[in-house]
């Protein structure tokens, strides 16, 4: 589908005539978006390709300057790396389109993936690097974040041809600051990276991508290790000795467990399936480590009670005579 002839012509991609007005173009795009929206056609790669094609076409035709530039060209430009005609401007025309398009193309990169591809031939990079900081809960649940992105694109006035253009002062490019909305998937850890296809700089070979590195602020109680969650639980001497029903905080709320008799300080226990949901749908575990908190000997009758609890010397079997 990416090689379909309609990809060469934005009017054909939207199914409208070259003299269609802005309202007709917008309605045509909305009709295609509702039909091929990946949220409604999960795992349908052809539908996703059709949606991206429609989004690219609408991004061009809804911008009057870019539409005029297209209409007056007699021959098609070289095809870009997305399989579409190389579009000059990277700016999507409406916040609504930017939101839907970006949310759909976000992908979580493998941990060993490079930060971003190096530009070919040492030229300017088409890709943009950004960073976002999340609270622990936002990283666990997923969130839509708003980012300020500074993009380079061909000058809308001269089409990147530079020369005596006053708008770009002969440079052929212009820089714009845009707000884009990106959906961060649930279950990401600090250092994770996502890629937003087609939201980078505009270069002759096509649009680059936006790479977002995620930093997660530490939580006061939980520590994340992959999809697993770790925590420390204080317990009393009596609870450790006699056993007790404990409420253990997890990312989904408290879970009641039975602490066994004779629990030692530092013992670790696992709550299976109570960790973080991975982007692939699998779930990690929750590990909690208990720490016995000794009572304050200065409080009330604690000193007397502690003396009564003393039962012999626990160090009597140690090799004090040496070896």
Protein backbone atom coordinates (compact mmCIF):
# COMPACT_ATOMS: atom_id res chain seq x y z
CA UNK A 1 0.00 0.00 0.00
CA UNK A 2 2.89 2.32 0.63
CA UNK A 3 3.75 2.11 -3.06
CA UNK A 4 0.29 2.98 -4.28
CA UNK A 5 0.15 5.78 -6.91
CA UNK A 6 -2.22 7.71 -4.65
CA UNK A 7 0.74 8.40 -2.37
CA UNK A 8 2.19 10.63 -5.11
CA UNK A 9 -0.88 12.88 -5.16
CA UNK A 10 -2.44 14.29 -1.96
CA UNK A 11 -5.73 14.94 -3.76
CA UNK A 12 -5.98 11.29 -4.76
CA UNK A 13 -4.94 10.24 -1.26
CA UNK A 14 -7.96 12.09 0.17
CA UNK A 15 -10.25 11.32 -2.77
CA UNK A 16 -10.97 14.98 -3.63
CA UNK A 17 -10.57 17.04 -6.79
CA UNK A 18 -7.75 19.60 -7.18
CA UNK A 19 -10.28 22.44 -6.92
CA UNK A 20 -11.77 21.20 -3.62
CA UNK A 21 -12.24 23.85 -0.93
CA UNK A 22 -10.78 23.67 2.60
CA UNK A 23 -14.02 22.34 4.13
CA UNK A 24 -14.26 19.51 1.60
CA UNK A 25 -10.64 18.57 2.22
CA UNK A 26 -11.11 18.55 5.99
CA UNK A 27 -14.26 16.41 5.79
CA UNK A 28 -12.54 13.96 3.44
CA UNK A 29 -9.66 13.59 5.87
CA UNK A 30 -11.99 13.11 8.86
CA UNK A 31 -13.93 10.42 6.98
CA UNK A 32 -10.73 8.51 6.16
CA UNK A 33 -9.39 8.96 9.70
CA UNK A 34 -12.54 7.46 11.18
CA UNK A 35 -12.39 4.56 8.74
CA UNK A 36 -8.70 3.71 9.07
CA UNK A 37 -7.92 4.88 12.60
CA UNK A 38 -5.52 2.26 14.05
CA UNK A 39 -7.35 2.43 17.38
CA UNK A 40 -10.31 0.88 15.54
CA UNK A 41 -8.26 -1.39 13.25
CA UNK A 42 -5.72 -2.84 15.66
CA UNK A 43 -2.81 -4.77 14.09
CA UNK A 44 -3.99 -3.81 10.58
CA UNK A 45 -0.82 -2.49 8.93
CA UNK A 46 -2.62 -1.55 5.73
CA UNK A 47 -5.13 0.57 7.65
CA UNK A 48 -2.28 2.27 9.52
CA UNK A 49 -0.54 3.02 6.22
CA UNK A 50 -3.75 4.46 4.78
CA UNK A 51 -4.22 6.63 7.84
CA UNK A 52 -0.67 7.97 7.64
CA UNK A 53 -1.13 8.65 3.93
CA UNK A 54 -4.29 10.63 4.63
CA UNK A 55 -2.58 12.53 7.47
CA UNK A 56 0.36 13.48 5.24
CA UNK A 57 -1.97 14.61 2.48
CA UNK A 58 -4.11 16.68 4.83
CA UNK A 59 -1.03 18.24 6.43
CA UNK A 60 -0.02 19.49 2.98
CA UNK A 61 -3.37 20.54 1.55
CA UNK A 62 -4.60 22.30 4.68
CA UNK A 63 -1.59 24.64 4.53
CA UNK A 64 -2.35 27.22 1.80
CA UNK A 65 1.31 28.01 1.08
CA UNK A 66 2.29 24.38 0.76
CA UNK A 67 -0.76 23.60 -1.35
CA UNK A 68 0.11 26.41 -3.77
CA UNK A 69 3.68 25.18 -3.94
CA UNK A 70 2.44 21.69 -4.80
CA UNK A 71 -0.09 22.90 -7.38
CA UNK A 72 2.45 24.90 -9.36
CA UNK A 73 5.00 22.08 -9.56
CA UNK A 74 4.90 20.20 -12.87
CA UNK A 75 6.91 17.12 -11.90
CA UNK A 76 6.81 15.10 -8.70
CA UNK A 77 9.61 15.53 -6.18
CA UNK A 78 11.79 12.57 -5.11
CA UNK A 79 10.13 10.13 -2.77
CA UNK A 80 11.12 10.38 0.90
CA UNK A 81 12.01 7.64 3.34
CA UNK A 82 8.37 7.17 4.39
CA UNK A 83 7.50 6.19 0.80
CA UNK A 84 5.70 9.48 0.16
CA UNK A 85 6.52 12.57 -1.78
CA UNK A 86 9.07 14.67 0.15
CA UNK A 87 6.99 17.28 1.94
CA UNK A 88 8.78 20.55 2.56
CA UNK A 89 7.27 21.71 5.84
CA UNK A 90 7.28 19.64 8.97
CA UNK A 91 4.44 21.56 10.61
CA UNK A 92 1.07 19.85 10.90
CA UNK A 93 -1.66 22.35 10.34
CA UNK A 94 -3.96 21.81 13.32
CA UNK A 95 -3.34 20.81 16.94
CA UNK A 96 -6.03 18.13 16.61
CA UNK A 97 -4.28 16.48 13.69
CA UNK A 98 -0.92 16.68 15.45
CA UNK A 99 -2.34 15.03 18.55
CA UNK A 100 -3.96 12.11 16.77
CA UNK A 101 -1.09 11.51 14.39
CA UNK A 102 1.62 11.63 17.04
CA UNK A 103 -0.22 9.38 19.45
CA UNK A 104 -0.55 6.70 16.82
CA UNK A 105 3.07 6.55 15.68
CA UNK A 106 4.74 6.47 19.10
CA UNK A 107 6.83 3.33 19.58
CA UNK A 108 8.89 2.21 22.54
CA UNK A 109 12.48 1.57 21.47
CA UNK A 110 14.57 -1.39 22.68
CA UNK A 111 17.04 -0.61 25.45
CA UNK A 112 20.01 -1.26 23.15
CA UNK A 113 18.70 0.89 20.30
CA UNK A 114 20.94 3.84 19.33
CA UNK A 115 19.88 7.25 20.55
CA UNK A 116 19.13 8.35 16.99
CA UNK A 117 20.56 7.49 13.57
CA UNK A 118 23.55 9.53 12.45
CA UNK A 119 22.80 11.81 9.48
CA UNK A 120 24.15 10.52 6.20
CA UNK A 121 27.17 12.29 4.76
CA UNK A 122 27.66 14.44 7.85
CA UNK A 123 24.74 16.66 6.88
CA UNK A 124 22.17 18.25 9.18
CA UNK A 125 20.15 15.78 11.23
CA UNK A 126 16.51 15.28 10.34
CA UNK A 127 15.83 13.84 13.79
CA UNK A 128 15.06 15.82 16.94
CA UNK A 129 16.03 14.73 20.45
CA UNK A 130 13.86 15.68 23.42
CA UNK A 131 13.43 14.65 27.04
CA UNK A 132 10.52 14.50 29.47
CA UNK A 133 10.42 13.96 33.23
CA UNK A 134 7.57 11.97 34.76
CA UNK A 135 6.35 11.11 38.21
CA UNK A 136 6.51 7.42 39.11
CA UNK A 137 2.73 7.06 38.83
CA UNK A 138 2.70 8.73 35.40
CA UNK A 139 5.35 6.32 34.16
CA UNK A 140 3.43 3.32 35.51
CA UNK A 141 0.03 4.36 34.13
CA UNK A 142 1.08 6.16 30.95
CA UNK A 143 0.31 9.77 30.16
CA UNK A 144 -0.10 12.26 27.32
CA UNK A 145 2.60 14.92 27.62
CA UNK A 146 2.92 18.25 25.85
CA UNK A 147 6.38 19.04 24.50
CA UNK A 148 7.89 22.17 22.98
CA UNK A 149 9.71 21.14 19.80
CA UNK A 150 11.91 23.44 17.75
CA UNK A 151 11.81 22.31 14.13
CA UNK A 152 13.62 23.31 10.98
CA UNK A 153 11.75 23.28 7.68
CA UNK A 154 12.00 24.70 4.21
CA UNK A 155 10.94 28.33 4.01
CA UNK A 156 7.26 28.54 3.15
CA UNK A 157 7.83 31.63 1.02
CA UNK A 158 10.60 30.39 -1.27
CA UNK A 159 10.12 26.66 -0.87
CA UNK A 160 13.67 26.25 0.36
CA UNK A 161 15.19 27.77 -2.75
CA UNK A 162 16.82 30.59 -0.72
CA UNK A 163 18.08 33.32 -3.03
CA UNK A 164 16.74 36.78 -2.30
CA UNK A 165 13.89 35.61 -0.07
CA UNK A 166 13.20 38.16 2.68
CA UNK A 167 11.35 35.73 4.93
CA UNK A 168 14.29 33.37 5.44
CA UNK A 169 16.98 35.96 4.59
CA UNK A 170 18.38 33.72 1.89
CA UNK A 171 18.94 30.68 4.12
CA UNK A 172 16.16 28.59 2.59
CA UNK A 173 15.02 27.30 5.99
CA UNK A 174 13.00 28.64 8.87
CA UNK A 175 12.79 27.56 12.49
CA UNK A 176 9.52 27.25 14.36
CA UNK A 177 8.62 26.34 17.93
CA UNK A 178 5.62 24.04 18.23
CA UNK A 179 3.70 22.30 21.00
CA UNK A 180 3.14 18.63 20.28
CA UNK A 181 1.27 16.04 22.32
CA UNK A 182 2.83 12.62 22.75
CA UNK A 183 1.28 9.62 24.48
CA UNK A 184 3.86 7.90 26.67
CA UNK A 185 2.91 4.21 26.98
CA UNK A 186 2.43 2.68 30.44
CA UNK A 187 5.22 0.75 32.10
CA UNK A 188 8.19 2.82 30.92
CA UNK A 189 11.28 3.12 33.12
CA UNK A 190 13.79 5.89 33.55
CA UNK A 191 16.01 6.00 30.48
CA UNK A 192 13.38 4.52 28.17
CA UNK A 193 13.02 6.11 24.76
CA UNK A 194 10.09 6.47 22.40
CA UNK A 195 10.10 7.50 18.77
CA UNK A 196 7.46 9.68 17.15
CA UNK A 197 7.73 9.09 13.43
CA UNK A 198 7.55 12.04 11.09
CA UNK A 199 7.79 14.72 13.78
CA UNK A 200 11.39 15.78 13.21
CA UNK A 201 12.96 18.36 10.93
CA UNK A 202 12.05 18.60 7.25
CA UNK A 203 14.99 17.79 4.96
CA UNK A 204 15.09 17.05 1.22
CA UNK A 205 14.97 13.29 1.92
CA UNK A 206 11.78 13.60 3.96
CA UNK A 207 10.76 14.28 7.54
CA UNK A 208 12.84 13.06 10.43
CA UNK A 209 11.59 11.57 13.68
CA UNK A 210 11.24 12.87 17.21
CA UNK A 211 13.08 10.82 19.87
CA UNK A 212 11.92 11.34 23.46
CA UNK A 213 14.01 10.12 26.42
CA UNK A 214 12.02 9.53 29.62
CA UNK A 215 13.30 10.34 33.09
CA UNK A 216 11.27 9.05 36.04
CA UNK A 217 11.45 10.88 39.36
CA UNK A 218 12.16 8.56 42.32
CA UNK A 219 9.18 7.49 44.43
CA UNK A 220 9.26 7.82 48.22
CA UNK A 221 8.29 4.18 48.76
CA UNK A 222 8.56 2.17 45.51
CA UNK A 223 11.64 1.35 43.46
CA UNK A 224 11.28 0.14 39.89
CA UNK A 225 13.53 -2.54 38.37
CA UNK A 226 12.23 -3.33 34.93
CA UNK A 227 8.61 -4.37 35.40
CA UNK A 228 9.18 -5.37 39.04
CA UNK A 229 8.52 -3.11 42.03
CA UNK A 230 10.51 -3.26 45.27
CA UNK A 231 9.62 -1.80 48.66
CA UNK A 232 10.66 -1.87 52.32
CA UNK A 233 8.08 -2.72 55.01
CA UNK A 234 8.75 -1.96 58.69
CA UNK A 235 7.40 -4.49 61.18
CA UNK A 236 7.41 -4.77 64.97
CA UNK A 237 9.23 -7.35 67.08
CA UNK A 238 5.89 -8.91 68.01
CA UNK A 239 4.75 -9.18 64.39
CA UNK A 240 8.02 -10.82 63.43
CA UNK A 241 7.91 -13.28 66.31
CA UNK A 242 4.23 -14.20 66.36
CA UNK A 243 3.24 -13.57 62.76
CA UNK A 244 0.61 -11.06 61.68
CA UNK A 245 -1.73 -9.95 58.91
CA UNK A 246 -0.06 -7.04 57.09
CA UNK A 247 -1.28 -4.61 54.47
CA UNK A 248 1.38 -4.19 51.77
CA UNK A 249 1.11 -1.07 49.57
CA UNK A 250 1.39 -1.82 45.83
CA UNK A 251 0.98 0.28 42.69
CA UNK A 252 -2.67 -0.88 42.58
CA UNK A 253 -3.44 -0.37 46.26
CA UNK A 254 -2.99 -2.41 49.46
CA UNK A 255 -2.75 -6.20 49.49
CA UNK A 256 -3.25 -8.15 52.74
CA UNK A 257 -0.66 -10.87 53.42
CA UNK A 258 0.03 -13.21 56.34
CA UNK A 259 3.48 -12.69 57.82
CA UNK A 260 4.80 -16.06 59.06
CA UNK A 261 5.92 -16.60 62.64
CA UNK A 262 9.62 -16.19 63.26
CA UNK A 263 10.20 -13.80 60.38
CA UNK A 264 13.69 -12.36 60.42
CA UNK A 265 14.67 -8.82 59.62
CA UNK A 266 15.73 -8.51 55.98
CA UNK A 267 13.60 -11.36 54.66
CA UNK A 268 12.13 -10.75 51.22
CA UNK A 269 8.75 -11.86 49.92
CA UNK A 270 7.10 -11.76 46.50
CA UNK A 271 3.62 -10.76 45.40
CA UNK A 272 3.24 -12.40 41.98
CA UNK A 273 1.71 -10.22 39.28
CA UNK A 274 1.52 -7.11 41.46
CA UNK A 275 4.22 -5.16 39.64
CA UNK A 276 4.07 -2.95 36.56
CA UNK A 277 2.27 -3.84 33.35
CA UNK A 278 4.80 -3.96 30.52
CA UNK A 279 3.99 -2.35 27.17
CA UNK A 280 3.52 -5.90 25.78
CA UNK A 281 0.79 -6.58 28.37
CA UNK A 282 2.79 -8.87 30.66
CA UNK A 283 3.10 -7.89 34.30
CA UNK A 284 5.97 -7.88 36.75
CA UNK A 285 6.01 -8.80 40.44
CA UNK A 286 6.16 -6.84 43.68
CA UNK A 287 8.97 -7.70 46.10
CA UNK A 288 8.86 -6.42 49.66
CA UNK A 289 11.60 -6.67 52.25
CA UNK A 290 10.67 -6.56 55.93
CA UNK A 291 12.74 -4.67 58.47
CA UNK A 292 12.18 -5.16 62.19
CA UNK A 293 11.92 -1.84 64.00
CA UNK A 294 12.96 -2.21 67.66
CA UNK A 295 10.71 -0.52 70.22
CA UNK A 296 11.88 2.65 71.90
CA UNK A 297 13.22 1.59 75.34
CA UNK A 298 12.43 5.02 76.75
CA UNK A 299 8.73 4.81 75.98
CA UNK A 300 6.37 3.63 78.74
CA UNK A 301 6.96 0.10 80.02
CA UNK A 302 9.03 -0.93 77.00
CA UNK A 303 12.23 -1.40 79.02
CA UNK A 304 10.50 -3.78 81.44
CA UNK A 305 8.76 -5.70 78.68
CA UNK A 306 11.99 -6.04 76.71
CA UNK A 307 13.77 -7.40 79.78
CA UNK A 308 11.05 -9.99 80.23
CA UNK A 309 11.39 -11.05 76.58
CA UNK A 310 15.13 -11.72 76.94
CA UNK A 311 15.76 -15.48 76.76
CA UNK A 312 19.38 -16.38 77.27
CA UNK A 313 22.35 -15.29 75.21
CA UNK A 314 21.76 -15.57 71.42
CA UNK A 315 25.54 -15.35 70.88
CA UNK A 316 26.46 -18.25 73.11
CA UNK A 317 27.38 -20.57 70.22
CA UNK A 318 29.81 -18.16 68.54
CA UNK A 319 33.52 -19.30 68.45
CA UNK A 320 34.90 -16.77 70.90
CA UNK A 321 37.86 -19.06 71.74
CA UNK A 322 39.16 -18.71 68.19
CA UNK A 323 39.94 -21.47 65.76
